[in-house]
């Protein structure tokens, strides 16, 4: 199938250890991850309706929601999951709304209210996603949950995993400092990034790394690919060029339809010249 730009979209299946190129596919982000999500037999949670009831694992981690940041500050860490989840700022770990919701769904994290120790129910976390005020929308979360369920390591594109004196960008785009003093170097870096950015309808959302037991936030290396979104229509040739100029890693464009996630990339082709 050739697109209107003369480039051929290549649909690729995302496998846990490698890309299965040149294979058409459609993958459900909910029904095909049963091995990675808790079920009734595991007594993690049981769905009595449209929203599952929270049942946390014994010794689950705890985090407190910070509305101003649109993130949760982790207060109690348990398990090895934090080696690939959350960003570190000044010795503290913060997780995004998609990380918080995913870990809550599988019973690994309790999200506490900002002013009390009451656990925020899944319904409220879903509403935070739906409001799109915390830097994530439903389409983004569907992709995050699907790839995370396969074992991939995901981080928001352009957000460093750890930085000694970095600042956290709030959902509104403003910076919330989490260091002891001012961070002029980080401000200069952000200013430079904003200056280098070009208006583009397609956007890079997640840096995606292959499953790796030796992954380190301090030295994550280059991602295996970058998950991008372009809305309901395929990205234009100009949008792809803009992203390719800014991003060295391969680009994988994501599409969500009826709860099913599809991934595709574009490659140039040479059409034969007719006599």
Protein backbone atom coordinates (compact mmCIF):
# COMPACT_ATOMS: atom_id res chain seq x y z
CA UNK A 1 0.00 0.00 0.00
CA UNK A 2 1.50 3.32 -1.04
CA UNK A 3 0.63 6.53 0.75
CA UNK A 4 -0.08 9.86 -0.90
CA UNK A 5 3.50 11.07 -0.40
CA UNK A 6 5.18 8.36 -2.46
CA UNK A 7 6.50 6.67 0.68
CA UNK A 8 5.52 3.19 1.70
CA UNK A 9 4.26 2.75 5.27
CA UNK A 10 5.75 -0.35 6.82
CA UNK A 11 3.61 -1.91 9.51
CA UNK A 12 5.71 -3.66 12.11
CA UNK A 13 4.81 -5.94 14.93
CA UNK A 14 6.35 -4.94 18.23
CA UNK A 15 7.85 -8.04 19.83
CA UNK A 16 9.42 -8.22 23.32
CA UNK A 17 12.96 -8.67 22.01
CA UNK A 18 13.08 -7.41 18.43
CA UNK A 19 11.14 -5.84 15.59
CA UNK A 20 9.31 -8.30 13.37
CA UNK A 21 9.61 -6.30 10.19
CA UNK A 22 7.35 -6.44 7.17
CA UNK A 23 4.49 -8.12 9.05
CA UNK A 24 1.02 -6.63 9.15
CA UNK A 25 -0.63 -6.71 12.48
CA UNK A 26 -3.19 -5.34 14.83
CA UNK A 27 -2.71 -5.83 18.54
CA UNK A 28 -5.13 -5.27 21.36
CA UNK A 29 -3.70 -3.26 24.21
CA UNK A 30 -6.11 -4.84 26.63
CA UNK A 31 -7.10 -8.39 25.70
CA UNK A 32 -3.72 -9.74 24.56
CA UNK A 33 -1.75 -8.80 27.67
CA UNK A 34 -3.37 -11.20 30.06
CA UNK A 35 -0.02 -12.69 30.98
CA UNK A 36 1.22 -9.32 32.15
CA UNK A 37 -1.89 -8.07 33.91
CA UNK A 38 -3.37 -9.53 37.07
CA UNK A 39 -6.42 -11.76 36.92
CA UNK A 40 -8.92 -13.24 39.33
CA UNK A 41 -6.73 -16.27 40.07
CA UNK A 42 -3.88 -14.01 41.15
CA UNK A 43 -6.27 -12.10 43.42
CA UNK A 44 -4.83 -8.80 42.25
CA UNK A 45 -8.11 -7.15 41.37
CA UNK A 46 -11.53 -8.18 40.24
CA UNK A 47 -13.71 -6.19 37.90
CA UNK A 48 -17.27 -6.09 39.09
CA UNK A 49 -18.16 -3.45 36.53
CA UNK A 50 -16.48 -1.13 34.06
CA UNK A 51 -13.83 -0.04 36.59
CA UNK A 52 -11.73 -2.69 38.37
CA UNK A 53 -11.54 -2.70 42.15
CA UNK A 54 -8.11 -1.96 43.55
CA UNK A 55 -6.41 -4.82 45.38
CA UNK A 56 -2.74 -4.13 45.97
CA UNK A 57 0.03 -6.63 46.37
CA UNK A 58 1.42 -7.16 49.84
CA UNK A 59 4.20 -4.63 50.27
CA UNK A 60 3.22 -2.43 47.34
CA UNK A 61 4.96 0.90 46.79
CA UNK A 62 3.35 4.21 47.76
CA UNK A 63 3.38 7.64 46.14
CA UNK A 64 1.66 10.96 46.81
CA UNK A 65 -0.08 12.85 44.02
CA UNK A 66 1.13 16.42 43.44
CA UNK A 67 -1.48 18.26 41.40
CA UNK A 68 0.82 21.19 40.61
CA UNK A 69 3.27 18.87 38.85
CA UNK A 70 0.73 16.47 37.40
CA UNK A 71 2.93 13.71 38.84
CA UNK A 72 3.25 11.59 41.96
CA UNK A 73 6.20 11.69 44.35
CA UNK A 74 7.21 8.19 45.40
CA UNK A 75 7.46 7.86 49.18
CA UNK A 76 7.89 4.10 49.58
CA UNK A 77 9.76 2.02 46.99
CA UNK A 78 9.40 -1.74 46.87
CA UNK A 79 10.52 -4.10 44.17
CA UNK A 80 12.82 -3.71 41.17
CA UNK A 81 10.29 -1.89 39.02
CA UNK A 82 11.74 1.50 39.98
CA UNK A 83 14.93 0.80 38.04
CA UNK A 84 12.91 1.43 34.86
CA UNK A 85 10.06 3.61 36.13
CA UNK A 86 9.95 7.22 37.22
CA UNK A 87 12.40 10.11 36.95
CA UNK A 88 14.85 11.14 39.64
CA UNK A 89 15.27 14.73 40.74
CA UNK A 90 17.44 15.72 43.71
CA UNK A 91 17.27 12.23 45.18
CA UNK A 92 13.47 11.97 44.86
CA UNK A 93 11.55 9.78 42.42
CA UNK A 94 8.53 11.11 40.55
CA UNK A 95 6.23 9.10 38.30
CA UNK A 96 3.97 10.44 35.57
CA UNK A 97 0.23 9.88 35.46
CA UNK A 98 0.59 7.01 32.96
CA UNK A 99 3.19 5.31 35.16
CA UNK A 100 1.04 5.84 38.25
CA UNK A 101 -2.10 4.45 36.58
CA UNK A 102 -0.35 1.44 35.06
CA UNK A 103 1.27 0.44 38.35
CA UNK A 104 -2.02 0.97 40.18
CA UNK A 105 -3.84 -1.28 37.70
CA UNK A 106 -1.43 -4.14 38.34
CA UNK A 107 -1.51 -3.57 42.11
CA UNK A 108 2.10 -2.40 42.50
CA UNK A 109 1.54 1.21 43.57
CA UNK A 110 -0.82 3.03 45.92
CA UNK A 111 -1.40 6.67 44.96
CA UNK A 112 -2.27 8.77 48.01
CA UNK A 113 -4.08 12.09 47.99
CA UNK A 114 -2.05 15.28 48.30
CA UNK A 115 -3.64 16.23 51.64
CA UNK A 116 -4.39 12.85 53.24
CA UNK A 117 -3.40 9.19 53.22
CA UNK A 118 -6.51 8.01 51.39
CA UNK A 119 -5.71 5.92 48.30
CA UNK A 120 -6.93 7.53 45.09
CA UNK A 121 -9.31 5.06 43.35
CA UNK A 122 -8.74 3.95 39.76
CA UNK A 123 -11.82 5.89 38.66
CA UNK A 124 -10.17 9.16 39.69
CA UNK A 125 -6.91 8.22 37.99
CA UNK A 126 -8.80 7.44 34.79
CA UNK A 127 -10.43 10.87 35.03
CA UNK A 128 -7.02 12.51 35.31
CA UNK A 129 -6.04 10.83 32.06
CA UNK A 130 -9.30 11.86 30.40
CA UNK A 131 -8.83 15.49 31.46
CA UNK A 132 -5.49 15.58 29.62
CA UNK A 133 -4.11 18.02 32.20
CA UNK A 134 -1.17 15.88 33.30
CA UNK A 135 0.65 15.58 29.99
CA UNK A 136 -1.06 12.39 28.85
CA UNK A 137 -4.21 11.44 26.94
CA UNK A 138 -6.03 8.14 26.46
CA UNK A 139 -4.26 7.36 23.18
CA UNK A 140 -0.87 7.88 24.79
CA UNK A 141 -1.81 5.69 27.73
CA UNK A 142 -3.06 2.87 25.49
CA UNK A 143 0.35 2.76 23.80
CA UNK A 144 2.20 3.04 27.11
CA UNK A 145 0.21 0.20 28.66
CA UNK A 146 0.59 -2.07 25.64
CA UNK A 147 4.35 -1.65 25.26
CA UNK A 148 4.91 -1.78 29.02
CA UNK A 149 2.96 -5.03 29.16
CA UNK A 150 5.37 -6.49 26.58
CA UNK A 151 8.31 -5.63 28.80
CA UNK A 152 9.58 -2.53 27.00
CA UNK A 153 11.05 0.36 28.98
CA UNK A 154 9.35 3.70 28.32
CA UNK A 155 10.09 7.27 29.27
CA UNK A 156 8.54 10.51 28.10
CA UNK A 157 10.43 11.83 25.12
CA UNK A 158 12.81 14.65 25.94
CA UNK A 159 12.60 14.14 29.70
CA UNK A 160 15.85 12.91 31.24
CA UNK A 161 15.63 9.94 33.58
CA UNK A 162 17.87 11.52 36.16
CA UNK A 163 19.60 14.86 36.53
CA UNK A 164 21.24 16.31 39.58
CA UNK A 165 19.90 19.83 39.24
CA UNK A 166 17.11 19.43 36.75
CA UNK A 167 13.64 20.89 36.95
CA UNK A 168 10.35 19.12 36.34
CA UNK A 169 8.18 20.55 33.59
CA UNK A 170 4.57 20.90 34.72
CA UNK A 171 1.72 19.89 32.37
CA UNK A 172 1.21 23.59 31.55
CA UNK A 173 4.77 23.77 30.26
CA UNK A 174 6.14 25.78 33.17
CA UNK A 175 9.05 24.53 35.19
CA UNK A 176 8.79 23.46 38.80
CA UNK A 177 12.23 23.49 40.40
CA UNK A 178 13.11 20.56 42.63
CA UNK A 179 16.70 21.57 43.32
CA UNK A 180 18.00 23.53 46.27
CA UNK A 181 18.98 26.59 44.27
CA UNK A 182 18.51 28.02 40.81
CA UNK A 183 19.53 25.92 37.86
CA UNK A 184 20.74 28.35 35.19
CA UNK A 185 22.25 25.58 33.07
CA UNK A 186 18.93 23.76 32.85
CA UNK A 187 17.11 26.98 31.99
CA UNK A 188 19.57 27.64 29.18
CA UNK A 189 19.11 24.08 27.93
CA UNK A 190 15.31 24.40 27.90
CA UNK A 191 15.52 27.77 26.16
CA UNK A 192 17.77 26.28 23.50
CA UNK A 193 15.45 23.32 22.97
CA UNK A 194 12.45 25.62 22.56
CA UNK A 195 14.40 27.71 20.08
CA UNK A 196 15.32 24.66 18.02
CA UNK A 197 11.79 23.29 17.91
CA UNK A 198 9.70 23.64 14.76
CA UNK A 199 5.94 23.62 14.51
CA UNK A 200 4.90 20.09 13.62
CA UNK A 201 1.53 18.32 13.67
CA UNK A 202 3.19 15.01 14.54
CA UNK A 203 4.84 14.74 17.92
CA UNK A 204 7.26 12.41 19.65
CA UNK A 205 5.77 11.04 22.88
CA UNK A 206 7.81 8.14 24.30
CA UNK A 207 11.41 7.02 24.15
CA UNK A 208 11.20 3.21 23.99
CA UNK A 209 13.97 0.81 25.03
CA UNK A 210 14.15 -2.95 24.56
CA UNK A 211 13.76 -5.05 27.73
CA UNK A 212 17.10 -4.87 29.51
CA UNK A 213 17.87 -6.15 33.01
CA UNK A 214 20.96 -3.92 33.07
CA UNK A 215 19.14 -0.71 32.22
CA UNK A 216 20.39 2.30 34.18
CA UNK A 217 18.63 5.63 34.39
CA UNK A 218 21.98 7.38 34.71
CA UNK A 219 23.12 5.98 31.34
CA UNK A 220 20.10 4.81 29.32
CA UNK A 221 21.85 5.20 25.93
CA UNK A 222 19.82 5.83 22.78
CA UNK A 223 16.26 4.47 22.67
CA UNK A 224 15.44 1.59 20.34
CA UNK A 225 12.75 3.77 18.78
CA UNK A 226 10.63 6.80 19.53
CA UNK A 227 6.84 6.41 19.63
CA UNK A 228 5.12 9.28 17.79
CA UNK A 229 1.53 10.42 17.31
CA UNK A 230 0.04 12.37 14.42
CA UNK A 231 -3.64 12.44 15.34
CA UNK A 232 -6.30 10.67 13.30
CA UNK A 233 -4.51 11.04 9.95
CA UNK A 234 -1.11 9.77 8.75
CA UNK A 235 1.78 12.18 9.27
CA UNK A 236 2.72 14.38 6.36
CA UNK A 237 6.06 14.03 4.63
CA UNK A 238 7.06 17.41 6.04
CA UNK A 239 6.18 16.35 9.60
CA UNK A 240 8.30 13.21 9.25
CA UNK A 241 11.26 15.24 8.00
CA UNK A 242 10.96 17.67 10.91
CA UNK A 243 10.98 14.84 13.46
CA UNK A 244 13.82 13.03 11.72
CA UNK A 245 15.97 16.16 11.92
CA UNK A 246 15.46 16.38 15.66
CA UNK A 247 15.52 12.69 16.58
CA UNK A 248 18.33 10.25 15.81
CA UNK A 249 16.44 7.10 16.85
CA UNK A 250 14.00 5.31 14.50
CA UNK A 251 10.46 6.69 14.50
CA UNK A 252 7.42 4.49 15.05
CA UNK A 253 4.04 6.14 14.53
CA UNK A 254 1.19 4.92 16.71
CA UNK A 255 -2.48 4.69 15.93
CA UNK A 256 -5.27 3.74 18.34
CA UNK A 257 -8.62 2.54 17.01
CA UNK A 258 -11.29 0.95 19.20
CA UNK A 259 -8.77 0.12 21.90
CA UNK A 260 -6.36 -1.55 19.47
CA UNK A 261 -2.81 -0.26 19.02
CA UNK A 262 -1.01 -0.30 15.67
CA UNK A 263 2.54 0.84 14.92
CA UNK A 264 4.03 1.79 11.58
CA UNK A 265 7.02 3.52 10.06
CA UNK A 266 7.75 5.11 6.69
CA UNK A 267 10.53 4.31 4.27
CA UNK A 268 11.32 5.98 0.97
CA UNK A 269 11.02 4.07 -2.28
CA UNK A 270 12.14 4.74 -5.83
CA UNK A 271 9.39 4.38 -8.39
CA UNK A 272 10.41 2.97 -11.77
CA UNK A 273 10.64 5.54 -14.53
CA UNK A 274 8.27 4.74 -17.35
CA UNK A 275 9.70 4.98 -20.88
